[in-house]
PDB file of N, CA and C in Angstrom:
ATOM      1  N   UNK A   1      42.490  58.416 124.500  1.00  0.00           N
ATOM      2  CA  UNK A   1      43.902  58.191 123.555  1.00  0.00           C
ATOM      3  C   UNK A   1      44.736  59.136 124.704  1.00  0.00           C
ATOM      4  N   UNK A   2      46.388  58.639 124.948  1.00  0.00           N
ATOM      5  CA  UNK A   2      46.701  59.767 125.851  1.00  0.00           C
ATOM      6  C   UNK A   2      47.163  60.143 124.781  1.00  0.00           C
ATOM      7  N   UNK A   3      47.619  61.786 125.491  1.00  0.00           N
ATOM      8  CA  UNK A   3      48.154  63.005 124.395  1.00  0.00           C
ATOM      9  C   UNK A   3      49.788  62.383 124.694  1.00  0.00           C
ATOM     10  N   UNK A   4      50.661  63.067 123.766  1.00  0.00           N
ATOM     11  CA  UNK A   4      51.462  62.989 123.252  1.00  0.00           C
ATOM     12  C   UNK A   4      52.340  64.152 123.900  1.00  0.00           C
ATOM     13  N   UNK A   5      53.325  63.872 124.261  1.00  0.00           N
ATOM     14  CA  UNK A   5      53.631  65.093 125.680  1.00  0.00           C
ATOM     15  C   UNK A   5      54.526  65.874 124.261  1.00  0.00           C
ATOM     16  N   UNK A   6      54.767  67.083 124.418  1.00  0.00           N
ATOM     17  CA  UNK A   6      55.012  68.023 123.436  1.00  0.00           C
ATOM     18  C   UNK A   6      56.698  67.950 123.197  1.00  0.00           C
ATOM     19  N   UNK A   7      57.554  67.901 122.760  1.00  0.00           N
ATOM     20  CA  UNK A   7      59.118  68.380 122.455  1.00  0.00           C
ATOM     21  C   UNK A   7      59.502  69.590 122.566  1.00  0.00           C
ATOM     22  N   UNK A   8      59.881  69.947 123.618  1.00  0.00           N
ATOM     23  CA  UNK A   8      60.520  71.299 124.511  1.00  0.00           C
ATOM     24  C   UNK A   8      61.561  70.968 123.829  1.00  0.00           C
ATOM     25  N   UNK A   9      61.459  72.712 122.477  1.00  0.00           N
ATOM     26  CA  UNK A   9      62.353  72.851 121.956  1.00  0.00           C
ATOM     27  C   UNK A   9      63.492  73.884 123.213  1.00  0.00           C
ATOM     28  N   UNK A  10      64.984  73.575 122.386  1.00  0.00           N
ATOM     29  CA  UNK A  10      66.225  73.749 123.278  1.00  0.00           C
ATOM     30  C   UNK A  10      66.317  75.400 123.585  1.00  0.00           C
ATOM     31  N   UNK A  11      66.420  76.081 124.702  1.00  0.00           N
ATOM     32  CA  UNK A  11      66.063  77.036 124.424  1.00  0.00           C
ATOM     33  C   UNK A  11      67.571  78.301 124.048  1.00  0.00           C
ATOM     34  N   UNK A  12      67.737  78.916 123.439  1.00  0.00           N
ATOM     35  CA  UNK A  12      68.953  79.795 122.404  1.00  0.00           C
ATOM     36  C   UNK A  12      68.994  80.932 123.755  1.00  0.00           C
ATOM     37  N   UNK A  13      70.385  81.107 123.557  1.00  0.00           N
ATOM     38  CA  UNK A  13      70.528  82.093 124.734  1.00  0.00           C
ATOM     39  C   UNK A  13      71.811  82.642 124.076  1.00  0.00           C
ATOM     40  N   UNK A  14      71.645  84.168 123.988  1.00  0.00           N
ATOM     41  CA  UNK A  14      71.701  85.206 123.182  1.00  0.00           C
ATOM     42  C   UNK A  14      72.599  86.067 123.913  1.00  0.00           C
ATOM     43  N   UNK A  15      74.513  85.468 123.461  1.00  0.00           N
ATOM     44  CA  UNK A  15      75.141  86.550 124.121  1.00  0.00           C
ATOM     45  C   UNK A  15      74.667  87.464 123.668  1.00  0.00           C
ATOM     46  N   UNK A  16      75.378  89.091 124.897  1.00  0.00           N
ATOM     47  CA  UNK A  16      75.044  90.408 124.366  1.00  0.00           C
ATOM     48  C   UNK A  16      75.724  91.068 123.291  1.00  0.00           C
ATOM     49  N   UNK A  17      75.663  90.817 122.431  1.00  0.00           N
ATOM     50  CA  UNK A  17      76.062  92.060 121.425  1.00  0.00           C
ATOM     51  C   UNK A  17      76.544  92.952 121.873  1.00  0.00           C
ATOM     52  N   UNK A  18      78.498  93.431 121.483  1.00  0.00           N
ATOM     53  CA  UNK A  18      79.295  93.660 122.295  1.00  0.00           C
ATOM     54  C   UNK A  18      79.866  94.986 121.024  1.00  0.00           C
ATOM     55  N   UNK A  19      78.641  95.826 120.769  1.00  0.00           N
ATOM     56  CA  UNK A  19      78.548  97.264 119.642  1.00  0.00           C
ATOM     57  C   UNK A  19      80.731  97.707 119.642  1.00  0.00           C
ATOM     58  N   UNK A  20      81.692  97.472 118.517  1.00  0.00           N
ATOM     59  CA  UNK A  20      83.092  98.518 118.880  1.00  0.00           C
ATOM     60  C   UNK A  20      82.161  99.822 117.845  1.00  0.00           C
ATOM     61  N   UNK A  21      83.034 100.572 119.202  1.00  0.00           N
ATOM     62  CA  UNK A  21      82.872 102.171 119.211  1.00  0.00           C
ATOM     63  C   UNK A  21      83.878 102.707 117.606  1.00  0.00           C
ATOM     64  N   UNK A  22      82.754 103.430 116.798  1.00  0.00           N
ATOM     65  CA  UNK A  22      83.051 103.553 116.012  1.00  0.00           C
ATOM     66  C   UNK A  22      84.479 105.395 116.128  1.00  0.00           C
ATOM     67  N   UNK A  23      84.766 104.894 116.194  1.00  0.00           N
ATOM     68  CA  UNK A  23      85.807 105.779 116.310  1.00  0.00           C
ATOM     69  C   UNK A  23      86.441 106.933 114.888  1.00  0.00           C
ATOM     70  N   UNK A  24      85.142 106.457 113.397  1.00  0.00           N
ATOM     71  CA  UNK A  24      85.531 107.323 112.554  1.00  0.00           C
ATOM     72  C   UNK A  24      87.135 107.660 112.354  1.00  0.00           C
ATOM     73  N   UNK A  25      87.950 108.826 112.117  1.00  0.00           N
ATOM     74  CA  UNK A  25      89.342 109.543 111.436  1.00  0.00           C
ATOM     75  C   UNK A  25      89.990 109.736 112.507  1.00  0.00           C
ATOM     76  N   UNK A  26      91.169 109.744 112.410  1.00  0.00           N
ATOM     77  CA  UNK A  26      92.100 110.431 113.635  1.00  0.00           C
ATOM     78  C   UNK A  26      91.852 112.202 113.080  1.00  0.00           C
ATOM     79  N   UNK A  27      92.069 112.958 113.874  1.00  0.00           N
ATOM     80  CA  UNK A  27      91.988 114.310 113.837  1.00  0.00           C
ATOM     81  C   UNK A  27      92.715 114.342 112.820  1.00  0.00           C
ATOM     82  N   UNK A  28      94.009 114.122 112.505  1.00  0.00           N
ATOM     83  CA  UNK A  28      95.802 114.175 111.806  1.00  0.00           C
ATOM     84  C   UNK A  28      95.359 113.661 110.077  1.00  0.00           C
ATOM     85  N   UNK A  29      94.438 113.298 110.159  1.00  0.00           N
ATOM     86  CA  UNK A  29      94.542 112.008 108.843  1.00  0.00           C
ATOM     87  C   UNK A  29      93.567 113.177 108.330  1.00  0.00           C
ATOM     88  N   UNK A  30      93.019 113.582 107.975  1.00  0.00           N
ATOM     89  CA  UNK A  30      92.250 115.199 106.841  1.00  0.00           C
ATOM     90  C   UNK A  30      93.368 115.584 106.217  1.00  0.00           C
ATOM     91  N   UNK A  31      93.514 116.283 107.334  1.00  0.00           N
ATOM     92  CA  UNK A  31      94.789 117.793 107.095  1.00  0.00           C
ATOM     93  C   UNK A  31      96.001 117.716 106.628  1.00  0.00           C
ATOM     94  N   UNK A  32      97.413 116.068 107.096  1.00  0.00           N
ATOM     95  CA  UNK A  32      98.241 115.479 106.040  1.00  0.00           C
ATOM     96  C   UNK A  32      97.802 114.873 104.866  1.00  0.00           C
ATOM     97  N   UNK A  33      96.622 114.811 104.809  1.00  0.00           N
ATOM     98  CA  UNK A  33      96.260 113.895 102.825  1.00  0.00           C
ATOM     99  C   UNK A  33      96.359 114.838 102.687  1.00  0.00           C
ATOM    100  N   UNK A  34      95.325 115.945 102.374  1.00  0.00           N
ATOM    101  CA  UNK A  34      95.281 116.595 101.421  1.00  0.00           C
ATOM    102  C   UNK A  34      96.859 117.644 101.859  1.00  0.00           C
ATOM    103  N   UNK A  35      96.822 117.804 102.417  1.00  0.00           N
ATOM    104  CA  UNK A  35      98.221 118.470 102.961  1.00  0.00           C
ATOM    105  C   UNK A  35      99.777 118.166 102.061  1.00  0.00           C
ATOM    106  N   UNK A  36      99.515 116.419 102.585  1.00  0.00           N
ATOM    107  CA  UNK A  36     100.936 115.915 101.322  1.00  0.00           C
ATOM    108  C   UNK A  36     100.456 116.199  99.124  1.00  0.00           C
ATOM    109  N   UNK A  37      98.823 115.586  99.555  1.00  0.00           N
ATOM    110  CA  UNK A  37      98.862 115.620  97.878  1.00  0.00           C
ATOM    111  C   UNK A  37      98.838 117.211  96.791  1.00  0.00           C
ATOM    112  N   UNK A  38      98.290 118.383  98.831  1.00  0.00           N
ATOM    113  CA  UNK A  38      98.266 119.960  97.467  1.00  0.00           C
ATOM    114  C   UNK A  38     100.114 120.387  97.446  1.00  0.00           C
ATOM    115  N   UNK A  39     100.824 120.384  98.253  1.00  0.00           N
ATOM    116  CA  UNK A  39     102.709 119.544  98.540  1.00  0.00           C
ATOM    117  C   UNK A  39     103.180 118.899  97.051  1.00  0.00           C
ATOM    118  N   UNK A  40     102.517 118.024  97.130  1.00  0.00           N
ATOM    119  CA  UNK A  40     103.454 117.398  95.962  1.00  0.00           C
ATOM    120  C   UNK A  40     102.910 117.884  94.899  1.00  0.00           C
ATOM    121  N   UNK A  41     101.626 118.888  93.979  1.00  0.00           N
ATOM    122  CA  UNK A  41     101.439 119.351  93.205  1.00  0.00           C
ATOM    123  C   UNK A  41     101.904 120.727  93.259  1.00  0.00           C
ATOM    124  N   UNK A  42     101.969 121.728  93.932  1.00  0.00           N
ATOM    125  CA  UNK A  42     102.939 122.123  94.649  1.00  0.00           C
ATOM    126  C   UNK A  42     104.343 122.747  93.604  1.00  0.00           C
ATOM    127  N   UNK A  43     104.562 121.104  94.180  1.00  0.00           N
ATOM    128  CA  UNK A  43     106.076 120.607  93.813  1.00  0.00           C
ATOM    129  C   UNK A  43     105.954 120.856  91.765  1.00  0.00           C
ATOM    130  N   UNK A  44     105.144 119.992  91.652  1.00  0.00           N
ATOM    131  CA  UNK A  44     106.027 119.253  90.766  1.00  0.00           C
ATOM    132  C   UNK A  44     105.160 121.110  89.575  1.00  0.00           C
ATOM    133  N   UNK A  45     104.401 122.127  90.242  1.00  0.00           N
ATOM    134  CA  UNK A  45     104.217 123.374  89.132  1.00  0.00           C
ATOM    135  C   UNK A  45     105.139 123.590  89.043  1.00  0.00           C
ATOM    136  N   UNK A  46     105.821 124.481  90.463  1.00  0.00           N
ATOM    137  CA  UNK A  46     106.917 125.299  90.831  1.00  0.00           C
ATOM    138  C   UNK A  46     108.095 124.800  89.992  1.00  0.00           C
ATOM    139  N   UNK A  47     107.991 123.175  89.881  1.00  0.00           N
ATOM    140  CA  UNK A  47     109.537 123.157  89.138  1.00  0.00           C
ATOM    141  C   UNK A  47     109.450 123.414  87.774  1.00  0.00           C
ATOM    142  N   UNK A  48     107.521 123.127  86.461  1.00  0.00           N
ATOM    143  CA  UNK A  48     107.971 123.254  85.572  1.00  0.00           C
ATOM    144  C   UNK A  48     107.646 125.511  85.539  1.00  0.00           C
ATOM    145  N   UNK A  49     107.434 125.547  86.291  1.00  0.00           N
ATOM    146  CA  UNK A  49     106.809 127.296  85.734  1.00  0.00           C
ATOM    147  C   UNK A  49     108.046 127.573  85.925  1.00  0.00           C
ATOM    148  N   UNK A  50     109.458 127.391  86.863  1.00  0.00           N
ATOM    149  CA  UNK A  50     110.481 128.260  86.902  1.00  0.00           C
ATOM    150  C   UNK A  50     111.613 126.741  86.361  1.00  0.00           C
ATOM    151  N   UNK A  51     111.688 125.724  85.487  1.00  0.00           N
ATOM    152  CA  UNK A  51     112.495 124.540  85.347  1.00  0.00           C
ATOM    153  C   UNK A  51     113.909 125.254  83.689  1.00  0.00           C
ATOM    154  N   UNK A  52     112.769 126.491  83.438  1.00  0.00           N
ATOM    155  CA  UNK A  52     114.031 127.514  82.603  1.00  0.00           C
ATOM    156  C   UNK A  52     115.062 127.843  82.893  1.00  0.00           C
ATOM    157  N   UNK A  53     114.568 129.094  84.336  1.00  0.00           N
ATOM    158  CA  UNK A  53     115.756 129.697  84.842  1.00  0.00           C
ATOM    159  C   UNK A  53     116.219 128.639  85.446  1.00  0.00           C
ATOM    160  N   UNK A  54     114.721 128.882  86.957  1.00  0.00           N
ATOM    161  CA  UNK A  54     116.118 129.066  88.304  1.00  0.00           C
ATOM    162  C   UNK A  54     115.996 127.054  88.475  1.00  0.00           C
ATOM    163  N   UNK A  55     115.100 126.536  88.363  1.00  0.00           N
ATOM    164  CA  UNK A  55     114.909 125.350  88.358  1.00  0.00           C
ATOM    165  C   UNK A  55     114.976 125.181  89.821  1.00  0.00           C
ATOM    166  N   UNK A  56     113.706 125.085  90.353  1.00  0.00           N
ATOM    167  CA  UNK A  56     113.611 125.234  91.952  1.00  0.00           C
ATOM    168  C   UNK A  56     112.238 123.994  91.174  1.00  0.00           C
ATOM    169  N   UNK A  57     112.064 123.475  93.105  1.00  0.00           N
ATOM    170  CA  UNK A  57     112.376 124.308  94.116  1.00  0.00           C
ATOM    171  C   UNK A  57     114.366 123.430  94.708  1.00  0.00           C
ATOM    172  N   UNK A  58     114.642 122.363  94.211  1.00  0.00           N
ATOM    173  CA  UNK A  58     116.135 122.297  94.152  1.00  0.00           C
ATOM    174  C   UNK A  58     116.515 121.812  92.519  1.00  0.00           C
ATOM    175  N   UNK A  59     117.632 122.634  92.481  1.00  0.00           N
ATOM    176  CA  UNK A  59     117.872 122.514  91.098  1.00  0.00           C
ATOM    177  C   UNK A  59     119.292 121.465  91.012  1.00  0.00           C
ATOM    178  N   UNK A  60     119.192 121.119  92.514  1.00  0.00           N
ATOM    179  CA  UNK A  60     120.759 120.152  92.016  1.00  0.00           C
ATOM    180  C   UNK A  60     119.798 119.239  91.982  1.00  0.00           C
ATOM    181  N   UNK A  61     119.344 118.363  91.223  1.00  0.00           N
ATOM    182  CA  UNK A  61     118.203 117.164  90.837  1.00  0.00           C
ATOM    183  C   UNK A  61     117.506 117.279  90.110  1.00  0.00           C
ATOM    184  N   UNK A  62     117.942 118.144  89.622  1.00  0.00           N
ATOM    185  CA  UNK A  62     116.410 118.735  88.008  1.00  0.00           C
ATOM    186  C   UNK A  62     115.239 117.704  87.747  1.00  0.00           C
ATOM    187  N   UNK A  63     115.187 116.109  87.435  1.00  0.00           N
ATOM    188  CA  UNK A  63     113.916 116.293  86.971  1.00  0.00           C
ATOM    189  C   UNK A  63     113.482 114.994  88.131  1.00  0.00           C
ATOM    190  N   UNK A  64     114.257 114.413  89.355  1.00  0.00           N
ATOM    191  CA  UNK A  64     113.996 114.241  90.243  1.00  0.00           C
ATOM    192  C   UNK A  64     112.516 115.207  91.286  1.00  0.00           C
ATOM    193  N   UNK A  65     113.045 116.571  90.438  1.00  0.00           N
ATOM    194  CA  UNK A  65     111.691 116.512  91.494  1.00  0.00           C
ATOM    195  C   UNK A  65     110.343 116.472  91.512  1.00  0.00           C
ATOM    196  N   UNK A  66     109.970 115.894  89.571  1.00  0.00           N
ATOM    197  CA  UNK A  66     108.943 114.986  89.683  1.00  0.00           C
ATOM    198  C   UNK A  66     108.733 114.219  90.204  1.00  0.00           C
ATOM    199  N   UNK A  67     109.601 113.332  90.786  1.00  0.00           N
ATOM    200  CA  UNK A  67     109.617 112.150  91.521  1.00  0.00           C
ATOM    201  C   UNK A  67     109.425 112.450  93.006  1.00  0.00           C
ATOM    202  N   UNK A  68     109.565 113.677  93.584  1.00  0.00           N
ATOM    203  CA  UNK A  68     109.622 114.013  94.499  1.00  0.00           C
ATOM    204  C   UNK A  68     107.803 114.234  94.819  1.00  0.00           C
ATOM    205  N   UNK A  69     107.754 115.536  93.718  1.00  0.00           N
ATOM    206  CA  UNK A  69     106.067 115.785  93.763  1.00  0.00           C
ATOM    207  C   UNK A  69     105.230 114.919  93.601  1.00  0.00           C
ATOM    208  N   UNK A  70     105.255 113.607  93.087  1.00  0.00           N
ATOM    209  CA  UNK A  70     104.826 112.666  92.613  1.00  0.00           C
ATOM    210  C   UNK A  70     104.613 111.698  93.211  1.00  0.00           C
ATOM    211  N   UNK A  71     105.595 111.273  94.831  1.00  0.00           N
ATOM    212  CA  UNK A  71     106.238 110.020  95.460  1.00  0.00           C
ATOM    213  C   UNK A  71     104.951 111.366  96.927  1.00  0.00           C
ATOM    214  N   UNK A  72     105.291 112.592  96.699  1.00  0.00           N
ATOM    215  CA  UNK A  72     104.125 113.154  97.757  1.00  0.00           C
ATOM    216  C   UNK A  72     102.819 113.206  97.476  1.00  0.00           C
ATOM    217  N   UNK A  73     101.911 113.259  95.974  1.00  0.00           N
ATOM    218  CA  UNK A  73     100.432 113.104  96.100  1.00  0.00           C
ATOM    219  C   UNK A  73     100.285 111.656  96.032  1.00  0.00           C
ATOM    220  N   UNK A  74     101.608 110.405  96.261  1.00  0.00           N
ATOM    221  CA  UNK A  74     100.960 109.285  96.460  1.00  0.00           C
ATOM    222  C   UNK A  74     100.998 108.878  98.044  1.00  0.00           C
ATOM    223  N   UNK A  75     101.148 109.326  98.593  1.00  0.00           N
ATOM    224  CA  UNK A  75     101.542 109.579  99.783  1.00  0.00           C
ATOM    225  C   UNK A  75     100.449 110.053 100.251  1.00  0.00           C
ATOM    226  N   UNK A  76      99.686 110.589  99.653  1.00  0.00           N
ATOM    227  CA  UNK A  76      98.397 110.989  99.979  1.00  0.00           C
ATOM    228  C   UNK A  76      97.833 110.892 100.041  1.00  0.00           C
ATOM    229  N   UNK A  77      97.368 110.004  98.980  1.00  0.00           N
ATOM    230  CA  UNK A  77      96.794 108.719  98.166  1.00  0.00           C
ATOM    231  C   UNK A  77      96.611 107.654  98.656  1.00  0.00           C
ATOM    232  N   UNK A  78      97.655 107.462  98.869  1.00  0.00           N
ATOM    233  CA  UNK A  78      98.252 106.694 100.017  1.00  0.00           C
ATOM    234  C   UNK A  78      96.951 106.352 101.665  1.00  0.00           C
ATOM    235  N   UNK A  79      97.359 108.029 102.300  1.00  0.00           N
ATOM    236  CA  UNK A  79      96.334 107.820 103.223  1.00  0.00           C
ATOM    237  C   UNK A  79      94.549 107.739 103.254  1.00  0.00           C
ATOM    238  N   UNK A  80      94.082 108.035 101.895  1.00  0.00           N
ATOM    239  CA  UNK A  80      93.164 107.996 101.485  1.00  0.00           C
ATOM    240  C   UNK A  80      92.675 106.313 102.057  1.00  0.00           C
ATOM    241  N   UNK A  81      93.394 105.766 101.413  1.00  0.00           N
ATOM    242  CA  UNK A  81      93.147 104.421 102.614  1.00  0.00           C
ATOM    243  C   UNK A  81      92.523 104.387 103.629  1.00  0.00           C
ATOM    244  N   UNK A  82      92.599 104.655 104.190  1.00  0.00           N
ATOM    245  CA  UNK A  82      92.412 105.190 105.986  1.00  0.00           C
ATOM    246  C   UNK A  82      91.789 105.908 106.054  1.00  0.00           C
ATOM    247  N   UNK A  83      90.978 106.539 105.475  1.00  0.00           N
ATOM    248  CA  UNK A  83      89.761 107.478 105.202  1.00  0.00           C
ATOM    249  C   UNK A  83      88.309 106.871 105.621  1.00  0.00           C
ATOM    250  N   UNK A  84      87.579 106.983 106.723  1.00  0.00           N
ATOM    251  CA  UNK A  84      86.516 106.035 107.230  1.00  0.00           C
ATOM    252  C   UNK A  84      85.462 107.159 106.762  1.00  0.00           C
TER     253      UNK A  84
END
């Protein structure tokens, strides 16, 4: 009895995998992120400590100093989304 021909499986050609370089964080990211958060915290603390007399950091805008402080803190947290 003749032997059956074996079926040849198609040869899979694998393309070479190109790895993306792991660049990490930009050098400015972490210092800027921490600086913004600490500056916002310092802004709010200075406002609360001096609100009775001096009204620092900017006396003319009164309670908007809180908004500036929180905006700085939020900007720092927004930068944390880029942190790898």
